[in-house]
Amino acid sequence: MPRKNPQSTLQARAFYSITALARIGNVNTYTLRRLLRANGVTLLRAQRVLFVPVTEIQAKIPPLWESICLVAELRGDPMRDEVC
């Protein structure tokens, strides 16, 4: 049985790092950051790391949020029902 990569699961959080979201979506961080900024998503900075509040993704880019939820569902992530 294949082991799950803990970095690839969607865990319930108030915000996600751009790196984590890019890994989940299988895109590079630069592309994701451009997409978020182009859609007016507020990014939070903690030193060198950029974070994205979940509420921003849900409100400003619903198709991206639906994609994140679909990925979680396809992976059989148990947190999907709580997050999506």
PDB file of N, CA and C in Angstrom:
ATOM      1  N   MET A   1       0.846  -1.178   0.000  1.00  0.00           N
ATOM      2  CA  MET A   1       0.000   0.000   0.000  1.00  0.00           C
ATOM      3  C   MET A   1       0.892   1.241   0.000  1.00  0.00           C
ATOM      4  N   PRO A   2       0.665   2.203  -0.940  1.00  0.00           N
ATOM      5  CA  PRO A   2       1.507   3.383  -1.007  1.00  0.00           C
ATOM      6  C   PRO A   2       1.294   4.279   0.210  1.00  0.00           C
ATOM      7  N   ARG A   3       2.377   4.879   0.634  1.00  0.00           N
ATOM      8  CA  ARG A   3       2.306   5.793   1.776  1.00  0.00           C
ATOM      9  C   ARG A   3       1.858   7.161   1.307  1.00  0.00           C
ATOM     10  N   LYS A   4       1.047   7.812   2.126  1.00  0.00           N
ATOM     11  CA  LYS A   4       0.599   9.162   1.799  1.00  0.00           C
ATOM     12  C   LYS A   4       1.684  10.155   2.170  1.00  0.00           C
ATOM     13  N   ASN A   5       1.892  11.108   1.314  1.00  0.00           N
ATOM     14  CA  ASN A   5       2.822  12.179   1.592  1.00  0.00           C
ATOM     15  C   ASN A   5       2.090  13.229   2.426  1.00  0.00           C
ATOM     16  N   PRO A   6       2.510  13.489   3.670  1.00  0.00           N
ATOM     17  CA  PRO A   6       1.794  14.445   4.502  1.00  0.00           C
ATOM     18  C   PRO A   6       1.779  15.840   3.916  1.00  0.00           C
ATOM     19  N   GLN A   7       2.733  16.169   3.055  1.00  0.00           N
ATOM     20  CA  GLN A   7       2.771  17.486   2.438  1.00  0.00           C
ATOM     21  C   GLN A   7       1.695  17.644   1.361  1.00  0.00           C
ATOM     22  N   SER A   8       1.158  16.551   0.845  1.00  0.00           N
ATOM     23  CA  SER A   8       0.214  16.645  -0.256  1.00  0.00           C
ATOM     24  C   SER A   8      -1.241  16.583   0.193  1.00  0.00           C
ATOM     25  N   THR A   9      -1.494  16.466   1.472  1.00  0.00           N
ATOM     26  CA  THR A   9      -2.871  16.418   1.937  1.00  0.00           C
ATOM     27  C   THR A   9      -3.363  17.804   2.309  1.00  0.00           C
ATOM     28  N   LEU A  10      -4.642  18.001   2.189  1.00  0.00           N
ATOM     29  CA  LEU A  10      -5.258  19.274   2.530  1.00  0.00           C
ATOM     30  C   LEU A  10      -5.731  19.197   3.968  1.00  0.00           C
ATOM     31  N   GLN A  11      -5.105  19.951   4.833  1.00  0.00           N
ATOM     32  CA  GLN A  11      -5.473  19.954   6.243  1.00  0.00           C
ATOM     33  C   GLN A  11      -6.247  21.228   6.544  1.00  0.00           C
ATOM     34  N   ALA A  12      -7.171  21.150   7.480  1.00  0.00           N
ATOM     35  CA  ALA A  12      -7.977  22.311   7.845  1.00  0.00           C
ATOM     36  C   ALA A  12      -7.083  23.367   8.497  1.00  0.00           C
ATOM     37  N   ARG A  13      -7.022  24.523   7.867  1.00  0.00           N
ATOM     38  CA  ARG A  13      -6.222  25.640   8.367  1.00  0.00           C
ATOM     39  C   ARG A  13      -6.917  26.939   8.028  1.00  0.00           C
ATOM     40  N   ALA A  14      -6.566  27.991   8.755  1.00  0.00           N
ATOM     41  CA  ALA A  14      -7.119  29.312   8.467  1.00  0.00           C
ATOM     42  C   ALA A  14      -6.441  29.929   7.250  1.00  0.00           C
ATOM     43  N   PHE A  15      -5.194  29.546   7.018  1.00  0.00           N
ATOM     44  CA  PHE A  15      -4.461  30.040   5.862  1.00  0.00           C
ATOM     45  C   PHE A  15      -3.425  29.007   5.445  1.00  0.00           C
ATOM     46  N   TYR A  16      -2.993  29.117   4.196  1.00  0.00           N
ATOM     47  CA  TYR A  16      -2.019  28.200   3.626  1.00  0.00           C
ATOM     48  C   TYR A  16      -0.861  29.004   3.055  1.00  0.00           C
ATOM     49  N   SER A  17       0.333  28.440   3.081  1.00  0.00           N
ATOM     50  CA  SER A  17       1.454  29.095   2.415  1.00  0.00           C
ATOM     51  C   SER A  17       1.271  28.914   0.908  1.00  0.00           C
ATOM     52  N   ILE A  18       1.821  29.853   0.162  1.00  0.00           N
ATOM     53  CA  ILE A  18       1.741  29.745  -1.285  1.00  0.00           C
ATOM     54  C   ILE A  18       2.449  28.479  -1.745  1.00  0.00           C
ATOM     55  N   THR A  19       3.538  28.133  -1.086  1.00  0.00           N
ATOM     56  CA  THR A  19       4.267  26.914  -1.440  1.00  0.00           C
ATOM     57  C   THR A  19       3.392  25.678  -1.270  1.00  0.00           C
ATOM     58  N   ALA A  20       2.656  25.599  -0.153  1.00  0.00           N
ATOM     59  CA  ALA A  20       1.789  24.440   0.094  1.00  0.00           C
ATOM     60  C   ALA A  20       0.664  24.367  -0.939  1.00  0.00           C
ATOM     61  N   LEU A  21       0.050  25.512  -1.236  1.00  0.00           N
ATOM     62  CA  LEU A  21      -1.023  25.522  -2.238  1.00  0.00           C
ATOM     63  C   LEU A  21      -0.490  25.134  -3.618  1.00  0.00           C
ATOM     64  N   ALA A  22       0.689  25.621  -3.948  1.00  0.00           N
ATOM     65  CA  ALA A  22       1.276  25.280  -5.250  1.00  0.00           C
ATOM     66  C   ALA A  22       1.564  23.785  -5.332  1.00  0.00           C
ATOM     67  N   ARG A  23       2.038  23.209  -4.234  1.00  0.00           N
ATOM     68  CA  ARG A  23       2.325  21.773  -4.205  1.00  0.00           C
ATOM     69  C   ARG A  23       1.031  20.976  -4.380  1.00  0.00           C
ATOM     70  N   ILE A  24      -0.016  21.390  -3.694  1.00  0.00           N
ATOM     71  CA  ILE A  24      -1.304  20.700  -3.795  1.00  0.00           C
ATOM     72  C   ILE A  24      -1.849  20.805  -5.219  1.00  0.00           C
ATOM     73  N   GLY A  25      -1.702  21.997  -5.821  1.00  0.00           N
ATOM     74  CA  GLY A  25      -2.227  22.219  -7.170  1.00  0.00           C
ATOM     75  C   GLY A  25      -1.301  21.816  -8.287  1.00  0.00           C
ATOM     76  N   ASN A  26      -0.079  21.372  -7.941  1.00  0.00           N
ATOM     77  CA  ASN A  26       0.905  20.940  -8.922  1.00  0.00           C
ATOM     78  C   ASN A  26       1.241  22.049  -9.922  1.00  0.00           C
ATOM     79  N   VAL A  27       1.422  23.275  -9.408  1.00  0.00           N
ATOM     80  CA  VAL A  27       1.865  24.417 -10.213  1.00  0.00           C
ATOM     81  C   VAL A  27       3.057  25.047  -9.501  1.00  0.00           C
ATOM     82  N   ASN A  28       3.806  25.889 -10.217  1.00  0.00           N
ATOM     83  CA  ASN A  28       4.926  26.522  -9.536  1.00  0.00           C
ATOM     84  C   ASN A  28       4.441  27.732  -8.725  1.00  0.00           C
ATOM     85  N   THR A  29       5.218  28.099  -7.749  1.00  0.00           N
ATOM     86  CA  THR A  29       4.799  29.151  -6.807  1.00  0.00           C
ATOM     87  C   THR A  29       4.674  30.505  -7.485  1.00  0.00           C
ATOM     88  N   TYR A  30       5.531  30.780  -8.451  1.00  0.00           N
ATOM     89  CA  TYR A  30       5.469  32.070  -9.141  1.00  0.00           C
ATOM     90  C   TYR A  30       4.141  32.227  -9.885  1.00  0.00           C
ATOM     91  N   THR A  31       3.728  31.192 -10.589  1.00  0.00           N
ATOM     92  CA  THR A  31       2.461  31.226 -11.325  1.00  0.00           C
ATOM     93  C   THR A  31       1.286  31.413 -10.377  1.00  0.00           C
ATOM     94  N   LEU A  32       1.292  30.679  -9.276  1.00  0.00           N
ATOM     95  CA  LEU A  32       0.207  30.796  -8.311  1.00  0.00           C
ATOM     96  C   LEU A  32       0.166  32.192  -7.696  1.00  0.00           C
ATOM     97  N   ARG A  33       1.311  32.737  -7.354  1.00  0.00           N
ATOM     98  CA  ARG A  33       1.354  34.085  -6.766  1.00  0.00           C
ATOM     99  C   ARG A  33       0.811  35.120  -7.744  1.00  0.00           C
ATOM    100  N   ARG A  34       1.166  35.015  -9.020  1.00  0.00           N
ATOM    101  CA  ARG A  34       0.632  35.932 -10.031  1.00  0.00           C
ATOM    102  C   ARG A  34      -0.883  35.805 -10.155  1.00  0.00           C
ATOM    103  N   LEU A  35      -1.384  34.569 -10.143  1.00  0.00           N
ATOM    104  CA  LEU A  35      -2.825  34.329 -10.227  1.00  0.00           C
ATOM    105  C   LEU A  35      -3.548  34.963  -9.042  1.00  0.00           C
ATOM    106  N   LEU A  36      -3.016  34.763  -7.839  1.00  0.00           N
ATOM    107  CA  LEU A  36      -3.649  35.310  -6.642  1.00  0.00           C
ATOM    108  C   LEU A  36      -3.654  36.830  -6.666  1.00  0.00           C
ATOM    109  N   ARG A  37      -2.535  37.432  -6.995  1.00  0.00           N
ATOM    110  CA  ARG A  37      -2.454  38.903  -7.031  1.00  0.00           C
ATOM    111  C   ARG A  37      -3.336  39.490  -8.123  1.00  0.00           C
ATOM    112  N   ALA A  38      -3.407  38.834  -9.269  1.00  0.00           N
ATOM    113  CA  ALA A  38      -4.247  39.320 -10.366  1.00  0.00           C
ATOM    114  C   ALA A  38      -5.722  39.313  -9.995  1.00  0.00           C
ATOM    115  N   ASN A  39      -6.097  38.457  -9.052  1.00  0.00           N
ATOM    116  CA  ASN A  39      -7.493  38.376  -8.616  1.00  0.00           C
ATOM    117  C   ASN A  39      -7.747  39.122  -7.321  1.00  0.00           C
ATOM    118  N   GLY A  40      -6.799  39.921  -6.880  1.00  0.00           N
ATOM    119  CA  GLY A  40      -6.989  40.764  -5.706  1.00  0.00           C
ATOM    120  C   GLY A  40      -6.981  40.038  -4.382  1.00  0.00           C
ATOM    121  N   VAL A  41      -6.359  38.877  -4.331  1.00  0.00           N
ATOM    122  CA  VAL A  41      -6.297  38.112  -3.080  1.00  0.00           C
ATOM    123  C   VAL A  41      -5.256  38.739  -2.168  1.00  0.00           C
ATOM    124  N   THR A  42      -5.631  38.970  -0.920  1.00  0.00           N
ATOM    125  CA  THR A  42      -4.729  39.533   0.070  1.00  0.00           C
ATOM    126  C   THR A  42      -3.741  38.463   0.516  1.00  0.00           C
ATOM    127  N   LEU A  43      -2.456  38.766   0.399  1.00  0.00           N
ATOM    128  CA  LEU A  43      -1.409  37.849   0.835  1.00  0.00           C
ATOM    129  C   LEU A  43      -0.824  38.362   2.146  1.00  0.00           C
ATOM    130  N   LEU A  44      -0.593  37.461   3.072  1.00  0.00           N
ATOM    131  CA  LEU A  44      -0.009  37.810   4.366  1.00  0.00           C
ATOM    132  C   LEU A  44       1.446  37.368   4.366  1.00  0.00           C
ATOM    133  N   ARG A  45       2.329  38.245   4.825  1.00  0.00           N
ATOM    134  CA  ARG A  45       3.758  37.921   4.835  1.00  0.00           C
ATOM    135  C   ARG A  45       4.228  37.724   6.272  1.00  0.00           C
ATOM    136  N   ALA A  46       4.939  36.632   6.479  1.00  0.00           N
ATOM    137  CA  ALA A  46       5.613  36.364   7.745  1.00  0.00           C
ATOM    138  C   ALA A  46       7.075  36.128   7.394  1.00  0.00           C
ATOM    139  N   GLN A  47       7.864  37.164   7.524  1.00  0.00           N
ATOM    140  CA  GLN A  47       9.265  37.165   7.103  1.00  0.00           C
ATOM    141  C   GLN A  47       9.345  36.857   5.616  1.00  0.00           C
ATOM    142  N   ARG A  48       9.845  35.690   5.219  1.00  0.00           N
ATOM    143  CA  ARG A  48      10.007  35.383   3.795  1.00  0.00           C
ATOM    144  C   ARG A  48       8.870  34.554   3.221  1.00  0.00           C
ATOM    145  N   VAL A  49       7.923  34.151   4.038  1.00  0.00           N
ATOM    146  CA  VAL A  49       6.856  33.253   3.590  1.00  0.00           C
ATOM    147  C   VAL A  49       5.566  34.040   3.358  1.00  0.00           C
ATOM    148  N   LEU A  50       4.910  33.777   2.228  1.00  0.00           N
ATOM    149  CA  LEU A  50       3.617  34.375   1.927  1.00  0.00           C
ATOM    150  C   LEU A  50       2.514  33.370   2.237  1.00  0.00           C
ATOM    151  N   PHE A  51       1.468  33.852   2.920  1.00  0.00           N
ATOM    152  CA  PHE A  51       0.328  33.019   3.267  1.00  0.00           C
ATOM    153  C   PHE A  51      -0.926  33.573   2.621  1.00  0.00           C
ATOM    154  N   VAL A  52      -1.874  32.681   2.361  1.00  0.00           N
ATOM    155  CA  VAL A  52      -3.146  33.046   1.752  1.00  0.00           C
ATOM    156  C   VAL A  52      -4.271  32.619   2.685  1.00  0.00           C
ATOM    157  N   PRO A  53      -5.111  33.565   3.146  1.00  0.00           N
ATOM    158  CA  PRO A  53      -6.267  33.175   3.964  1.00  0.00           C
ATOM    159  C   PRO A  53      -7.275  32.379   3.126  1.00  0.00           C
ATOM    160  N   VAL A  54      -7.820  31.345   3.703  1.00  0.00           N
ATOM    161  CA  VAL A  54      -8.805  30.505   3.012  1.00  0.00           C
ATOM    162  C   VAL A  54     -10.000  31.331   2.561  1.00  0.00           C
ATOM    163  N   THR A  55     -10.432  32.251   3.385  1.00  0.00           N
ATOM    164  CA  THR A  55     -11.599  33.074   3.044  1.00  0.00           C
ATOM    165  C   THR A  55     -11.355  33.898   1.789  1.00  0.00           C
ATOM    166  N   GLU A  56     -10.120  34.315   1.563  1.00  0.00           N
ATOM    167  CA  GLU A  56      -9.788  35.070   0.352  1.00  0.00           C
ATOM    168  C   GLU A  56      -9.947  34.206  -0.892  1.00  0.00           C
ATOM    169  N   ILE A  57      -9.481  32.984  -0.825  1.00  0.00           N
ATOM    170  CA  ILE A  57      -9.603  32.081  -1.980  1.00  0.00           C
ATOM    171  C   ILE A  57     -11.071  31.775  -2.249  1.00  0.00           C
ATOM    172  N   GLN A  58     -11.817  31.474  -1.189  1.00  0.00           N
ATOM    173  CA  GLN A  58     -13.233  31.147  -1.357  1.00  0.00           C
ATOM    174  C   GLN A  58     -14.011  32.319  -1.941  1.00  0.00           C
ATOM    175  N   ALA A  59     -13.728  33.535  -1.488  1.00  0.00           N
ATOM    176  CA  ALA A  59     -14.491  34.705  -1.914  1.00  0.00           C
ATOM    177  C   ALA A  59     -14.070  35.230  -3.291  1.00  0.00           C
ATOM    178  N   LYS A  60     -12.766  35.234  -3.568  1.00  0.00           N
ATOM    179  CA  LYS A  60     -12.285  35.910  -4.760  1.00  0.00           C
ATOM    180  C   LYS A  60     -11.954  34.996  -5.933  1.00  0.00           C
ATOM    181  N   ILE A  61     -11.681  33.724  -5.666  1.00  0.00           N
ATOM    182  CA  ILE A  61     -11.385  32.788  -6.755  1.00  0.00           C
ATOM    183  C   ILE A  61     -12.109  31.463  -6.501  1.00  0.00           C
ATOM    184  N   PRO A  62     -13.443  31.469  -6.578  1.00  0.00           N
ATOM    185  CA  PRO A  62     -14.193  30.224  -6.336  1.00  0.00           C
ATOM    186  C   PRO A  62     -13.746  29.034  -7.185  1.00  0.00           C
ATOM    187  N   PRO A  63     -13.377  29.224  -8.463  1.00  0.00           N
ATOM    188  CA  PRO A  63     -12.919  28.053  -9.226  1.00  0.00           C
ATOM    189  C   PRO A  63     -11.655  27.411  -8.639  1.00  0.00           C
ATOM    190  N   LEU A  64     -10.754  28.217  -8.107  1.00  0.00           N
ATOM    191  CA  LEU A  64      -9.553  27.669  -7.478  1.00  0.00           C
ATOM    192  C   LEU A  64      -9.930  26.890  -6.227  1.00  0.00           C
ATOM    193  N   TRP A  65     -10.849  27.425  -5.432  1.00  0.00           N
ATOM    194  CA  TRP A  65     -11.281  26.732  -4.221  1.00  0.00           C
ATOM    195  C   TRP A  65     -11.948  25.403  -4.573  1.00  0.00           C
ATOM    196  N   GLU A  66     -12.783  25.408  -5.603  1.00  0.00           N
ATOM    197  CA  GLU A  66     -13.432  24.162  -6.037  1.00  0.00           C
ATOM    198  C   GLU A  66     -12.396  23.140  -6.491  1.00  0.00           C
ATOM    199  N   SER A  67     -11.349  23.605  -7.161  1.00  0.00           N
ATOM    200  CA  SER A  67     -10.281  22.699  -7.601  1.00  0.00           C
ATOM    201  C   SER A  67      -9.547  22.101  -6.413  1.00  0.00           C
ATOM    202  N   ILE A  68      -9.265  22.926  -5.409  1.00  0.00           N
ATOM    203  CA  ILE A  68      -8.599  22.428  -4.199  1.00  0.00           C
ATOM    204  C   ILE A  68      -9.463  21.365  -3.536  1.00  0.00           C
ATOM    205  N   CYS A  69     -10.752  21.611  -3.458  1.00  0.00           N
ATOM    206  CA  CYS A  69     -11.668  20.644  -2.851  1.00  0.00           C
ATOM    207  C   CYS A  69     -11.742  19.358  -3.679  1.00  0.00           C
ATOM    208  N   LEU A  70     -11.743  19.489  -4.995  1.00  0.00           N
ATOM    209  CA  LEU A  70     -11.789  18.311  -5.863  1.00  0.00           C
ATOM    210  C   LEU A  70     -10.532  17.465  -5.686  1.00  0.00           C
ATOM    211  N   VAL A  71      -9.385  18.111  -5.614  1.00  0.00           N
ATOM    212  CA  VAL A  71      -8.135  17.375  -5.401  1.00  0.00           C
ATOM    213  C   VAL A  71      -8.197  16.622  -4.076  1.00  0.00           C
ATOM    214  N   ALA A  72      -8.699  17.288  -3.039  1.00  0.00           N
ATOM    215  CA  ALA A  72      -8.820  16.642  -1.729  1.00  0.00           C
ATOM    216  C   ALA A  72      -9.754  15.439  -1.802  1.00  0.00           C
ATOM    217  N   GLU A  73     -10.849  15.579  -2.546  1.00  0.00           N
ATOM    218  CA  GLU A  73     -11.803  14.475  -2.694  1.00  0.00           C
ATOM    219  C   GLU A  73     -11.176  13.305  -3.446  1.00  0.00           C
ATOM    220  N   LEU A  74     -10.463  13.593  -4.525  1.00  0.00           N
ATOM    221  CA  LEU A  74      -9.843  12.535  -5.315  1.00  0.00           C
ATOM    222  C   LEU A  74      -8.769  11.798  -4.535  1.00  0.00           C
ATOM    223  N   ARG A  75      -8.095  12.494  -3.650  1.00  0.00           N
ATOM    224  CA  ARG A  75      -7.066  11.861  -2.826  1.00  0.00           C
ATOM    225  C   ARG A  75      -7.657  11.117  -1.647  1.00  0.00           C
ATOM    226  N   GLY A  76      -8.966  11.268  -1.440  1.00  0.00           N
ATOM    227  CA  GLY A  76      -9.608  10.603  -0.315  1.00  0.00           C
ATOM    228  C   GLY A  76      -9.235  11.238   1.013  1.00  0.00           C
ATOM    229  N   ASP A  77      -8.958  12.532   0.989  1.00  0.00           N
ATOM    230  CA  ASP A  77      -8.547  13.251   2.192  1.00  0.00           C
ATOM    231  C   ASP A  77      -9.710  13.305   3.175  1.00  0.00           C
ATOM    232  N   PRO A  78      -9.534  12.785   4.389  1.00  0.00           N
ATOM    233  CA  PRO A  78     -10.620  12.781   5.372  1.00  0.00           C
ATOM    234  C   PRO A  78     -11.016  14.188   5.832  1.00  0.00           C
ATOM    235  N   MET A  79     -10.155  15.177   5.655  1.00  0.00           N
ATOM    236  CA  MET A  79     -10.459  16.548   6.086  1.00  0.00           C
ATOM    237  C   MET A  79     -11.312  17.277   5.060  1.00  0.00           C
ATOM    238  N   ARG A  80     -11.527  16.696   3.895  1.00  0.00           N
ATOM    239  CA  ARG A  80     -12.241  17.372   2.832  1.00  0.00           C
ATOM    240  C   ARG A  80     -13.616  17.860   3.260  1.00  0.00           C
ATOM    241  N   ASP A  81     -14.371  17.010   3.950  1.00  0.00           N
ATOM    242  CA  ASP A  81     -15.723  17.380   4.369  1.00  0.00           C
ATOM    243  C   ASP A  81     -15.728  18.542   5.360  1.00  0.00           C
ATOM    244  N   GLU A  82     -14.689  18.646   6.163  1.00  0.00           N
ATOM    245  CA  GLU A  82     -14.615  19.732   7.129  1.00  0.00           C
ATOM    246  C   GLU A  82     -14.154  21.039   6.474  1.00  0.00           C
ATOM    247  N   VAL A  83     -13.359  20.941   5.437  1.00  0.00           N
ATOM    248  CA  VAL A  83     -12.769  22.121   4.837  1.00  0.00           C
ATOM    249  C   VAL A  83     -13.632  22.664   3.699  1.00  0.00           C
ATOM    250  N   CYS A  84     -14.162  21.810   2.865  1.00  0.00           N
ATOM    251  CA  CYS A  84     -14.844  22.248   1.647  1.00  0.00           C
ATOM    252  C   CYS A  84     -16.340  22.368   1.822  1.00  0.00           C
TER     253      CYS A  84
END
